[in-house]
Amino acid sequence: MDKSDFFKRLIEEITDFPRDVVLNLPHIVMIGNLEIDLENFNSLLEYTPDKIRVGTNLGIVMFAGSDLEIKMISQNEIIVTGRIKSIELGLNRR
């Protein structure tokens, strides 16, 4: 563990901030198979009606399905709607 990880974990313990906030980890909330809210992402890599790929600090997160649309996108949050069939986490950058 390097110094920055040590201090991030220390801040997390002292302040009771959630781990995803302190460590800038992706936070995913899924509502059935109809909507996904992903926080703490870096970049939108691919966007088609069947697949959305998003870069995060842990690698690429891919949503696959049909009729996928980006309902909302901001600097660190994206909301995807449609018929979500699968989610792949932590894929290497391709």
PDB file of N, CA and C in Angstrom:
ATOM      1  N   MET A   1       0.855  -1.182   0.000  1.00  0.00           N
ATOM      2  CA  MET A   1       0.000   0.000   0.000  1.00  0.00           C
ATOM      3  C   MET A   1       0.889   1.229   0.000  1.00  0.00           C
ATOM      4  N   ASP A   2       0.665   2.128  -0.973  1.00  0.00           N
ATOM      5  CA  ASP A   2       1.478   3.339  -1.012  1.00  0.00           C
ATOM      6  C   ASP A   2       0.895   4.387  -0.073  1.00  0.00           C
ATOM      7  N   LYS A   3       1.604   5.506   0.052  1.00  0.00           N
ATOM      8  CA  LYS A   3       1.196   6.549   1.001  1.00  0.00           C
ATOM      9  C   LYS A   3      -0.172   7.123   0.697  1.00  0.00           C
ATOM     10  N   SER A   4      -0.475   7.336  -0.591  1.00  0.00           N
ATOM     11  CA  SER A   4      -1.777   7.930  -0.926  1.00  0.00           C
ATOM     12  C   SER A   4      -2.916   6.995  -0.538  1.00  0.00           C
ATOM     13  N   ASP A   5      -2.761   5.686  -0.743  1.00  0.00           N
ATOM     14  CA  ASP A   5      -3.791   4.729  -0.325  1.00  0.00           C
ATOM     15  C   ASP A   5      -3.942   4.734   1.189  1.00  0.00           C
ATOM     16  N   PHE A   6      -2.816   4.801   1.896  1.00  0.00           N
ATOM     17  CA  PHE A   6      -2.853   4.830   3.361  1.00  0.00           C
ATOM     18  C   PHE A   6      -3.637   6.041   3.849  1.00  0.00           C
ATOM     19  N   PHE A   7      -3.346   7.215   3.279  1.00  0.00           N
ATOM     20  CA  PHE A   7      -4.029   8.430   3.722  1.00  0.00           C
ATOM     21  C   PHE A   7      -5.504   8.415   3.332  1.00  0.00           C
ATOM     22  N   LYS A   8      -5.830   7.874   2.183  1.00  0.00           N
ATOM     23  CA  LYS A   8      -7.238   7.773   1.786  1.00  0.00           C
ATOM     24  C   LYS A   8      -8.005   6.889   2.761  1.00  0.00           C
ATOM     25  N   ARG A   9      -7.419   5.769   3.127  1.00  0.00           N
ATOM     26  CA  ARG A   9      -8.090   4.877   4.088  1.00  0.00           C
ATOM     27  C   ARG A   9      -8.188   5.521   5.466  1.00  0.00           C
ATOM     28  N   LEU A  10      -7.161   6.253   5.857  1.00  0.00           N
ATOM     29  CA  LEU A  10      -7.188   6.961   7.134  1.00  0.00           C
ATOM     30  C   LEU A  10      -8.298   8.007   7.145  1.00  0.00           C
ATOM     31  N   ILE A  11      -8.415   8.790   6.056  1.00  0.00           N
ATOM     32  CA  ILE A  11      -9.480   9.800   5.954  1.00  0.00           C
ATOM     33  C   ILE A  11     -10.846   9.129   6.009  1.00  0.00           C
ATOM     34  N   GLU A  12     -10.977   8.001   5.327  1.00  0.00           N
ATOM     35  CA  GLU A  12     -12.245   7.272   5.335  1.00  0.00           C
ATOM     36  C   GLU A  12     -12.640   6.870   6.755  1.00  0.00           C
ATOM     37  N   GLU A  13     -11.671   6.347   7.509  1.00  0.00           N
ATOM     38  CA  GLU A  13     -11.965   5.904   8.873  1.00  0.00           C
ATOM     39  C   GLU A  13     -12.271   7.073   9.804  1.00  0.00           C
ATOM     40  N   ILE A  14     -11.529   8.160   9.672  1.00  0.00           N
ATOM     41  CA  ILE A  14     -11.706   9.309  10.558  1.00  0.00           C
ATOM     42  C   ILE A  14     -13.016  10.038  10.272  1.00  0.00           C
ATOM     43  N   THR A  15     -13.367  10.224   9.006  1.00  0.00           N
ATOM     44  CA  THR A  15     -14.521  11.047   8.653  1.00  0.00           C
ATOM     45  C   THR A  15     -15.813  10.274   8.456  1.00  0.00           C
ATOM     46  N   ASP A  16     -15.729   8.955   8.378  1.00  0.00           N
ATOM     47  CA  ASP A  16     -16.900   8.117   8.087  1.00  0.00           C
ATOM     48  C   ASP A  16     -17.489   8.390   6.712  1.00  0.00           C
ATOM     49  N   PHE A  17     -16.681   8.977   5.799  1.00  0.00           N
ATOM     50  CA  PHE A  17     -17.136   9.112   4.421  1.00  0.00           C
ATOM     51  C   PHE A  17     -17.201   7.726   3.796  1.00  0.00           C
ATOM     52  N   PRO A  18     -18.134   7.498   2.880  1.00  0.00           N
ATOM     53  CA  PRO A  18     -18.209   6.203   2.200  1.00  0.00           C
ATOM     54  C   PRO A  18     -16.926   5.913   1.428  1.00  0.00           C
ATOM     55  N   ARG A  19     -16.550   4.653   1.362  1.00  0.00           N
ATOM     56  CA  ARG A  19     -15.317   4.223   0.700  1.00  0.00           C
ATOM     57  C   ARG A  19     -15.287   4.648  -0.772  1.00  0.00           C
ATOM     58  N   ASP A  20     -16.432   4.550  -1.475  1.00  0.00           N
ATOM     59  CA  ASP A  20     -16.439   4.910  -2.895  1.00  0.00           C
ATOM     60  C   ASP A  20     -16.125   6.382  -3.111  1.00  0.00           C
ATOM     61  N   VAL A  21     -16.507   7.233  -2.172  1.00  0.00           N
ATOM     62  CA  VAL A  21     -16.239   8.670  -2.295  1.00  0.00           C
ATOM     63  C   VAL A  21     -14.758   8.957  -2.050  1.00  0.00           C
ATOM     64  N   VAL A  22     -14.218   8.422  -0.966  1.00  0.00           N
ATOM     65  CA  VAL A  22     -12.828   8.691  -0.605  1.00  0.00           C
ATOM     66  C   VAL A  22     -11.867   8.112  -1.634  1.00  0.00           C
ATOM     67  N   LEU A  23     -12.123   6.890  -2.098  1.00  0.00           N
ATOM     68  CA  LEU A  23     -11.211   6.208  -3.017  1.00  0.00           C
ATOM     69  C   LEU A  23     -11.559   6.443  -4.480  1.00  0.00           C
ATOM     70  N   ASN A  24     -12.606   7.234  -4.746  1.00  0.00           N
ATOM     71  CA  ASN A  24     -13.071   7.521  -6.107  1.00  0.00           C
ATOM     72  C   ASN A  24     -13.375   6.233  -6.880  1.00  0.00           C
ATOM     73  N   LEU A  25     -14.067   5.313  -6.223  1.00  0.00           N
ATOM     74  CA  LEU A  25     -14.445   4.044  -6.833  1.00  0.00           C
ATOM     75  C   LEU A  25     -15.800   4.183  -7.522  1.00  0.00           C
ATOM     76  N   PRO A  26     -16.027   3.417  -8.583  1.00  0.00           N
ATOM     77  CA  PRO A  26     -17.337   3.457  -9.239  1.00  0.00           C
ATOM     78  C   PRO A  26     -18.433   3.000  -8.268  1.00  0.00           C
ATOM     79  N   HIS A  27     -19.555   3.671  -8.353  1.00  0.00           N
ATOM     80  CA  HIS A  27     -20.726   3.333  -7.530  1.00  0.00           C
ATOM     81  C   HIS A  27     -21.871   3.100  -8.506  1.00  0.00           C
ATOM     82  N   ILE A  28     -22.427   1.882  -8.500  1.00  0.00           N
ATOM     83  CA  ILE A  28     -23.474   1.522  -9.451  1.00  0.00           C
ATOM     84  C   ILE A  28     -24.768   1.230  -8.703  1.00  0.00           C
ATOM     85  N   VAL A  29     -25.846   1.877  -9.147  1.00  0.00           N
ATOM     86  CA  VAL A  29     -27.186   1.582  -8.648  1.00  0.00           C
ATOM     87  C   VAL A  29     -28.003   1.127  -9.845  1.00  0.00           C
ATOM     88  N   MET A  30     -28.605  -0.046  -9.720  1.00  0.00           N
ATOM     89  CA  MET A  30     -29.395  -0.604 -10.820  1.00  0.00           C
ATOM     90  C   MET A  30     -30.845  -0.720 -10.376  1.00  0.00           C
ATOM     91  N   ILE A  31     -31.747  -0.248 -11.214  1.00  0.00           N
ATOM     92  CA  ILE A  31     -33.177  -0.338 -10.930  1.00  0.00           C
ATOM     93  C   ILE A  31     -33.752  -1.371 -11.885  1.00  0.00           C
ATOM     94  N   GLY A  32     -33.972  -2.584 -11.354  1.00  0.00           N
ATOM     95  CA  GLY A  32     -34.424  -3.692 -12.189  1.00  0.00           C
ATOM     96  C   GLY A  32     -33.450  -3.888 -13.327  1.00  0.00           C
ATOM     97  N   ASN A  33     -33.975  -4.124 -14.517  1.00  0.00           N
ATOM     98  CA  ASN A  33     -33.118  -4.198 -15.701  1.00  0.00           C
ATOM     99  C   ASN A  33     -33.387  -3.018 -16.634  1.00  0.00           C
ATOM    100  N   LEU A  34     -33.942  -1.922 -16.043  1.00  0.00           N
ATOM    101  CA  LEU A  34     -34.370  -0.786 -16.847  1.00  0.00           C
ATOM    102  C   LEU A  34     -33.497   0.460 -16.725  1.00  0.00           C
ATOM    103  N   GLU A  35     -32.723   0.585 -15.638  1.00  0.00           N
ATOM    104  CA  GLU A  35     -31.948   1.810 -15.443  1.00  0.00           C
ATOM    105  C   GLU A  35     -30.712   1.531 -14.598  1.00  0.00           C
ATOM    106  N   ILE A  36     -29.610   2.185 -14.971  1.00  0.00           N
ATOM    107  CA  ILE A  36     -28.368   2.107 -14.212  1.00  0.00           C
ATOM    108  C   ILE A  36     -27.867   3.519 -13.970  1.00  0.00           C
ATOM    109  N   ASP A  37     -27.475   3.780 -12.732  1.00  0.00           N
ATOM    110  CA  ASP A  37     -26.860   5.045 -12.353  1.00  0.00           C
ATOM    111  C   ASP A  37     -25.423   4.729 -11.944  1.00  0.00           C
ATOM    112  N   LEU A  38     -24.453   5.230 -12.696  1.00  0.00           N
ATOM    113  CA  LEU A  38     -23.038   4.993 -12.409  1.00  0.00           C
ATOM    114  C   LEU A  38     -22.389   6.309 -12.022  1.00  0.00           C
ATOM    115  N   GLU A  39     -21.828   6.350 -10.810  1.00  0.00           N
ATOM    116  CA  GLU A  39     -21.112   7.527 -10.332  1.00  0.00           C
ATOM    117  C   GLU A  39     -19.615   7.230 -10.332  1.00  0.00           C
ATOM    118  N   ASN A  40     -18.805   8.252 -10.397  1.00  0.00           N
ATOM    119  CA  ASN A  40     -17.344   8.164 -10.372  1.00  0.00           C
ATOM    120  C   ASN A  40     -16.792   7.461 -11.604  1.00  0.00           C
ATOM    121  N   PHE A  41     -17.148   7.957 -12.768  1.00  0.00           N
ATOM    122  CA  PHE A  41     -16.563   7.434 -13.995  1.00  0.00           C
ATOM    123  C   PHE A  41     -15.662   8.508 -14.596  1.00  0.00           C
ATOM    124  N   ASN A  42     -14.757   8.076 -15.475  1.00  0.00           N
ATOM    125  CA  ASN A  42     -13.796   9.007 -16.072  1.00  0.00           C
ATOM    126  C   ASN A  42     -14.166   9.432 -17.483  1.00  0.00           C
ATOM    127  N   SER A  43     -14.601   8.461 -18.305  1.00  0.00           N
ATOM    128  CA  SER A  43     -14.843   8.790 -19.706  1.00  0.00           C
ATOM    129  C   SER A  43     -15.856   7.839 -20.334  1.00  0.00           C
ATOM    130  N   LEU A  44     -16.568   8.343 -21.309  1.00  0.00           N
ATOM    131  CA  LEU A  44     -17.473   7.536 -22.121  1.00  0.00           C
ATOM    132  C   LEU A  44     -16.664   7.033 -23.311  1.00  0.00           C
ATOM    133  N   LEU A  45     -16.522   5.708 -23.448  1.00  0.00           N
ATOM    134  CA  LEU A  45     -15.662   5.126 -24.476  1.00  0.00           C
ATOM    135  C   LEU A  45     -16.429   4.651 -25.702  1.00  0.00           C
ATOM    136  N   GLU A  46     -17.652   4.163 -25.493  1.00  0.00           N
ATOM    137  CA  GLU A  46     -18.451   3.644 -26.608  1.00  0.00           C
ATOM    138  C   GLU A  46     -19.917   3.788 -26.255  1.00  0.00           C
ATOM    139  N   TYR A  47     -20.713   4.161 -27.260  1.00  0.00           N
ATOM    140  CA  TYR A  47     -22.143   4.366 -27.032  1.00  0.00           C
ATOM    141  C   TYR A  47     -22.908   3.921 -28.267  1.00  0.00           C
ATOM    142  N   THR A  48     -23.573   2.773 -28.171  1.00  0.00           N
ATOM    143  CA  THR A  48     -24.457   2.272 -29.220  1.00  0.00           C
ATOM    144  C   THR A  48     -25.752   1.825 -28.544  1.00  0.00           C
ATOM    145  N   PRO A  49     -26.797   1.554 -29.303  1.00  0.00           N
ATOM    146  CA  PRO A  49     -28.047   1.085 -28.689  1.00  0.00           C
ATOM    147  C   PRO A  49     -27.916  -0.281 -28.001  1.00  0.00           C
ATOM    148  N   ASP A  50     -26.827  -1.015 -28.298  1.00  0.00           N
ATOM    149  CA  ASP A  50     -26.642  -2.350 -27.718  1.00  0.00           C
ATOM    150  C   ASP A  50     -25.541  -2.423 -26.671  1.00  0.00           C
ATOM    151  N   LYS A  51     -24.667  -1.415 -26.632  1.00  0.00           N
ATOM    152  CA  LYS A  51     -23.524  -1.484 -25.722  1.00  0.00           C
ATOM    153  C   LYS A  51     -23.053  -0.088 -25.345  1.00  0.00           C
ATOM    154  N   ILE A  52     -22.753   0.079 -24.048  1.00  0.00           N
ATOM    155  CA  ILE A  52     -22.166   1.317 -23.555  1.00  0.00           C
ATOM    156  C   ILE A  52     -20.942   0.924 -22.725  1.00  0.00           C
ATOM    157  N   ARG A  53     -19.783   1.497 -23.061  1.00  0.00           N
ATOM    158  CA  ARG A  53     -18.551   1.239 -22.334  1.00  0.00           C
ATOM    159  C   ARG A  53     -18.083   2.536 -21.697  1.00  0.00           C
ATOM    160  N   VAL A  54     -17.737   2.444 -20.403  1.00  0.00           N
ATOM    161  CA  VAL A  54     -17.363   3.610 -19.621  1.00  0.00           C
ATOM    162  C   VAL A  54     -16.049   3.307 -18.907  1.00  0.00           C
ATOM    163  N   GLY A  55     -15.103   4.253 -18.943  1.00  0.00           N
ATOM    164  CA  GLY A  55     -13.846   4.100 -18.233  1.00  0.00           C
ATOM    165  C   GLY A  55     -13.976   4.563 -16.790  1.00  0.00           C
ATOM    166  N   THR A  56     -13.415   3.768 -15.870  1.00  0.00           N
ATOM    167  CA  THR A  56     -13.392   4.110 -14.448  1.00  0.00           C
ATOM    168  C   THR A  56     -11.983   3.886 -13.922  1.00  0.00           C
ATOM    169  N   ASN A  57     -11.757   4.222 -12.662  1.00  0.00           N
ATOM    170  CA  ASN A  57     -10.450   3.989 -12.048  1.00  0.00           C
ATOM    171  C   ASN A  57     -10.119   2.511 -11.928  1.00  0.00           C
ATOM    172  N   LEU A  58     -11.112   1.643 -11.992  1.00  0.00           N
ATOM    173  CA  LEU A  58     -10.885   0.201 -11.882  1.00  0.00           C
ATOM    174  C   LEU A  58     -10.841  -0.500 -13.229  1.00  0.00           C
ATOM    175  N   GLY A  59     -10.988   0.244 -14.301  1.00  0.00           N
ATOM    176  CA  GLY A  59     -11.017  -0.338 -15.631  1.00  0.00           C
ATOM    177  C   GLY A  59     -12.309   0.043 -16.335  1.00  0.00           C
ATOM    178  N   ILE A  60     -12.672  -0.742 -17.329  1.00  0.00           N
ATOM    179  CA  ILE A  60     -13.850  -0.441 -18.131  1.00  0.00           C
ATOM    180  C   ILE A  60     -15.071  -1.177 -17.587  1.00  0.00           C
ATOM    181  N   VAL A  61     -16.184  -0.458 -17.512  1.00  0.00           N
ATOM    182  CA  VAL A  61     -17.479  -1.046 -17.162  1.00  0.00           C
ATOM    183  C   VAL A  61     -18.302  -1.046 -18.444  1.00  0.00           C
ATOM    184  N   MET A  62     -18.874  -2.217 -18.772  1.00  0.00           N
ATOM    185  CA  MET A  62     -19.662  -2.312 -20.003  1.00  0.00           C
ATOM    186  C   MET A  62     -21.086  -2.749 -19.664  1.00  0.00           C
ATOM    187  N   PHE A  63     -22.050  -2.016 -20.217  1.00  0.00           N
ATOM    188  CA  PHE A  63     -23.460  -2.365 -20.115  1.00  0.00           C
ATOM    189  C   PHE A  63     -23.888  -2.871 -21.483  1.00  0.00           C
ATOM    190  N   ALA A  64     -24.526  -4.037 -21.529  1.00  0.00           N
ATOM    191  CA  ALA A  64     -25.026  -4.575 -22.794  1.00  0.00           C
ATOM    192  C   ALA A  64     -26.523  -4.775 -22.669  1.00  0.00           C
ATOM    193  N   GLY A  65     -27.226  -4.608 -23.787  1.00  0.00           N
ATOM    194  CA  GLY A  65     -28.668  -4.782 -23.781  1.00  0.00           C
ATOM    195  C   GLY A  65     -29.257  -4.318 -25.094  1.00  0.00           C
ATOM    196  N   SER A  66     -30.461  -3.784 -25.018  1.00  0.00           N
ATOM    197  CA  SER A  66     -31.111  -3.263 -26.217  1.00  0.00           C
ATOM    198  C   SER A  66     -31.795  -1.943 -25.877  1.00  0.00           C
ATOM    199  N   ASP A  67     -31.923  -1.097 -26.878  1.00  0.00           N
ATOM    200  CA  ASP A  67     -32.537   0.231 -26.717  1.00  0.00           C
ATOM    201  C   ASP A  67     -31.864   1.055 -25.620  1.00  0.00           C
ATOM    202  N   LEU A  68     -30.540   0.913 -25.466  1.00  0.00           N
ATOM    203  CA  LEU A  68     -29.829   1.652 -24.427  1.00  0.00           C
ATOM    204  C   LEU A  68     -29.702   3.114 -24.828  1.00  0.00           C
ATOM    205  N   GLU A  69     -29.980   3.978 -23.879  1.00  0.00           N
ATOM    206  CA  GLU A  69     -29.878   5.423 -24.072  1.00  0.00           C
ATOM    207  C   GLU A  69     -29.239   6.053 -22.851  1.00  0.00           C
ATOM    208  N   ILE A  70     -28.531   7.127 -23.072  1.00  0.00           N
ATOM    209  CA  ILE A  70     -27.999   7.903 -21.953  1.00  0.00           C
ATOM    210  C   ILE A  70     -29.057   8.930 -21.578  1.00  0.00           C
ATOM    211  N   LYS A  71     -29.640   8.736 -20.408  1.00  0.00           N
ATOM    212  CA  LYS A  71     -30.697   9.630 -19.934  1.00  0.00           C
ATOM    213  C   LYS A  71     -30.099  10.931 -19.394  1.00  0.00           C
ATOM    214  N   MET A  72     -28.916  10.796 -18.721  1.00  0.00           N
ATOM    215  CA  MET A  72     -28.260  11.960 -18.142  1.00  0.00           C
ATOM    216  C   MET A  72     -26.773  11.661 -18.057  1.00  0.00           C
ATOM    217  N   ILE A  73     -25.959  12.676 -18.330  1.00  0.00           N
ATOM    218  CA  ILE A  73     -24.512  12.534 -18.168  1.00  0.00           C
ATOM    219  C   ILE A  73     -23.969  13.838 -17.614  1.00  0.00           C
ATOM    220  N   SER A  74     -23.085  13.727 -16.615  1.00  0.00           N
ATOM    221  CA  SER A  74     -22.425  14.892 -16.036  1.00  0.00           C
ATOM    222  C   SER A  74     -20.942  14.571 -15.905  1.00  0.00           C
ATOM    223  N   GLN A  75     -20.226  15.395 -15.206  1.00  0.00           N
ATOM    224  CA  GLN A  75     -18.784  15.225 -15.091  1.00  0.00           C
ATOM    225  C   GLN A  75     -18.410  13.894 -14.452  1.00  0.00           C
ATOM    226  N   ASN A  76     -19.201  13.387 -13.512  1.00  0.00           N
ATOM    227  CA  ASN A  76     -18.838  12.132 -12.854  1.00  0.00           C
ATOM    228  C   ASN A  76     -19.999  11.148 -12.694  1.00  0.00           C
ATOM    229  N   GLU A  77     -21.113  11.388 -13.351  1.00  0.00           N
ATOM    230  CA  GLU A  77     -22.269  10.503 -13.223  1.00  0.00           C
ATOM    231  C   GLU A  77     -22.920  10.295 -14.585  1.00  0.00           C
ATOM    232  N   ILE A  78     -23.391   9.070 -14.810  1.00  0.00           N
ATOM    233  CA  ILE A  78     -24.106   8.744 -16.044  1.00  0.00           C
ATOM    234  C   ILE A  78     -25.291   7.858 -15.689  1.00  0.00           C
ATOM    235  N   ILE A  79     -26.437   8.146 -16.282  1.00  0.00           N
ATOM    236  CA  ILE A  79     -27.635   7.327 -16.094  1.00  0.00           C
ATOM    237  C   ILE A  79     -28.004   6.740 -17.443  1.00  0.00           C
ATOM    238  N   VAL A  80     -28.106   5.408 -17.478  1.00  0.00           N
ATOM    239  CA  VAL A  80     -28.411   4.671 -18.697  1.00  0.00           C
ATOM    240  C   VAL A  80     -29.764   4.000 -18.536  1.00  0.00           C
ATOM    241  N   THR A  81     -30.620   4.106 -19.561  1.00  0.00           N
ATOM    242  CA  THR A  81     -31.913   3.426 -19.553  1.00  0.00           C
ATOM    243  C   THR A  81     -31.994   2.488 -20.746  1.00  0.00           C
ATOM    244  N   GLY A  82     -32.932   1.587 -20.693  1.00  0.00           N
ATOM    245  CA  GLY A  82     -33.141   0.608 -21.753  1.00  0.00           C
ATOM    246  C   GLY A  82     -33.358  -0.768 -21.149  1.00  0.00           C
ATOM    247  N   ARG A  83     -33.198  -1.799 -21.958  1.00  0.00           N
ATOM    248  CA  ARG A  83     -33.302  -3.174 -21.462  1.00  0.00           C
ATOM    249  C   ARG A  83     -31.891  -3.703 -21.242  1.00  0.00           C
ATOM    250  N   ILE A  84     -31.473  -3.703 -19.986  1.00  0.00           N
ATOM    251  CA  ILE A  84     -30.107  -4.081 -19.636  1.00  0.00           C
ATOM    252  C   ILE A  84     -30.033  -5.591 -19.457  1.00  0.00           C
ATOM    253  N   LYS A  85     -29.166  -6.222 -20.222  1.00  0.00           N
ATOM    254  CA  LYS A  85     -29.016  -7.680 -20.167  1.00  0.00           C
ATOM    255  C   LYS A  85     -27.811  -8.104 -19.353  1.00  0.00           C
ATOM    256  N   SER A  86     -26.729  -7.302 -19.367  1.00  0.00           N
ATOM    257  CA  SER A  86     -25.540  -7.696 -18.605  1.00  0.00           C
ATOM    258  C   SER A  86     -24.684  -6.490 -18.281  1.00  0.00           C
ATOM    259  N   ILE A  87     -23.866  -6.661 -17.231  1.00  0.00           N
ATOM    260  CA  ILE A  87     -22.882  -5.669 -16.821  1.00  0.00           C
ATOM    261  C   ILE A  87     -21.563  -6.411 -16.644  1.00  0.00           C
ATOM    262  N   GLU A  88     -20.503  -5.881 -17.233  1.00  0.00           N
ATOM    263  CA  GLU A  88     -19.168  -6.438 -17.038  1.00  0.00           C
ATOM    264  C   GLU A  88     -18.325  -5.381 -16.341  1.00  0.00           C
ATOM    265  N   LEU A  89     -17.645  -5.781 -15.272  1.00  0.00           N
ATOM    266  CA  LEU A  89     -16.907  -4.851 -14.449  1.00  0.00           C
ATOM    267  C   LEU A  89     -15.404  -5.091 -14.537  1.00  0.00           C
ATOM    268  N   GLY A  90     -14.645  -4.017 -14.451  1.00  0.00           N
ATOM    269  CA  GLY A  90     -13.202  -4.122 -14.327  1.00  0.00           C
ATOM    270  C   GLY A  90     -12.493  -4.661 -15.535  1.00  0.00           C
ATOM    271  N   LEU A  91     -13.053  -4.462 -16.725  1.00  0.00           N
ATOM    272  CA  LEU A  91     -12.388  -4.912 -17.939  1.00  0.00           C
ATOM    273  C   LEU A  91     -11.149  -4.072 -18.170  1.00  0.00           C
ATOM    274  N   ASN A  92     -10.122  -4.665 -18.708  1.00  0.00           N
ATOM    275  CA  ASN A  92      -8.917  -3.913 -19.075  1.00  0.00           C
ATOM    276  C   ASN A  92      -9.249  -2.954 -20.197  1.00  0.00           C
ATOM    277  N   ARG A  93      -8.522  -1.870 -20.269  1.00  0.00           N
ATOM    278  CA  ARG A  93      -8.726  -0.910 -21.359  1.00  0.00           C
ATOM    279  C   ARG A  93      -8.349  -1.538 -22.666  1.00  0.00           C
ATOM    280  N   ARG A  94      -9.243  -1.423 -23.668  1.00  0.00           N
ATOM    281  CA  ARG A  94      -8.997  -1.997 -24.999  1.00  0.00           C
ATOM    282  C   ARG A  94      -9.031  -0.941 -26.055  1.00  0.00           C
TER     283      ARG A  94
END
